[in-house]
Amino acid sequence: MKRILLIVLIVNVHLIVNNCQAQDIHFSQTYFTPLELNPANAGAEFDLRAGLNYRTQWGSVTEPFVTMMAGYDMNFKSSKPKVGYFAGGINVFNDKAGDSKMNQTQANLAVAYHLYLNDKNTLGAGIQGGYFQRAIDMSGLTWGSQYNGQRYDDQIASGESVAATSVKAIDFSSGLTWTYRKGERYMSGNDQVLLIGGLSLQHVNNPKTEYNNIKDDPLYYRWIGHFHGIIGVPNSPISFMPAVVYLHQGSLSEVLVGANFAYKFKEASKYTGNMKGAAIGLGGQYRLKDAFVITSFIEISNYTIGVSYDLNTSDLSSASKSYGAFEVALRYVYPSPFGGSKSSARFR
């Protein structure tokens, strides 16, 4: 299995050096979209995790860009594995963008293996296969050729044609992830430290996305570096939750840096689970040269609801009036992050 991890690492490093030119969907609350970042995140943190995500953007400028996603992952390990364990997950999303209503629906299946390095560290490798369909609706577009010199006239033929209004393709991704875990989250101690970092390469096979046969239009490599953490302030109900994500695809790059501060206002039963823990969180992030993101969440037992809003700071801010994107996420995990039930996902 160590040889497999090494092979995946070599493949990721080799593909990083290749150039690329496009941009995919993205969310601001990346800690709620683990499989969208990296297939190796499957089974890394919880025995079972399910989530729903919704994002709407640029409604103040044009037809809103709307992205919806659902994901599920779990581990398949026995009660006390000695070497490591397998995990898997599924991720489905739909994205609709702009006046052309460019629509993409994609389903992905991920498989991962997590190797125990010691009692606090694991190293995971994952691969993902997916299938997507993209389509556009030309009826809502206007063209310069349809202006008669004084005004727009929809009775004038645009002279534009598209040989195909939909494309379908298979898509592959791979990734590595490292997880470190120690301590407990209870108020009496709150000495927990959870750190998860990884690297993934998406669109390994460069699937073609062109609507015309005039020029090849492959979906170029997209690579992602990510880090998330939960660091408890000992003997207090407060935790610090940093997050850093770097994405690169062609000439486009995205850097997202920020943190949440969580306050646990209700303690869970340490052994019986009869009392459910609860916490609230508030924080912010900055997407370099693009937006400030206000983030918040409430967590009760196994459930978390996260809400964020992007305040646009880019060159588009004058047109958008600084209105960016609204995002909401719903997550269920097992076991409860507040304790009260034993997790086979937690280290030995």
Foldseek 3Di string as FASTA:
>chain_A
DVVVVVVLVVLQVVQVPDFFDDDDDDDQPVVQVVVVAALQCALQFFQKKKKKKWKWWDPLFFPIKIKIKIKIKHWDDDLADDFWTKIKMKMWMWIFDGQQRWIKTKIKIKIKIWTDPDQFKIKMKMKMKMKMKIFTHCVRDAAPQQQPPPGGDPVDDRPDDFQAGMDMDMWMKMKMKMWGWDDACFLQFRQIKIKMKMKMKIRSVQCFGGRHPPDTRTRGIKMKIKMWMWGGDTNFQKIKIWIWMWMDGHPDIKIKTKIKIKGWPFAADAAQRPGKTKIKIWMWMDIPQFWIKTKIWIDIFFKIKIKMFTQTDHPCCVSSVRGTMIMMMIMGGPHGSNHNDDGSSNGD
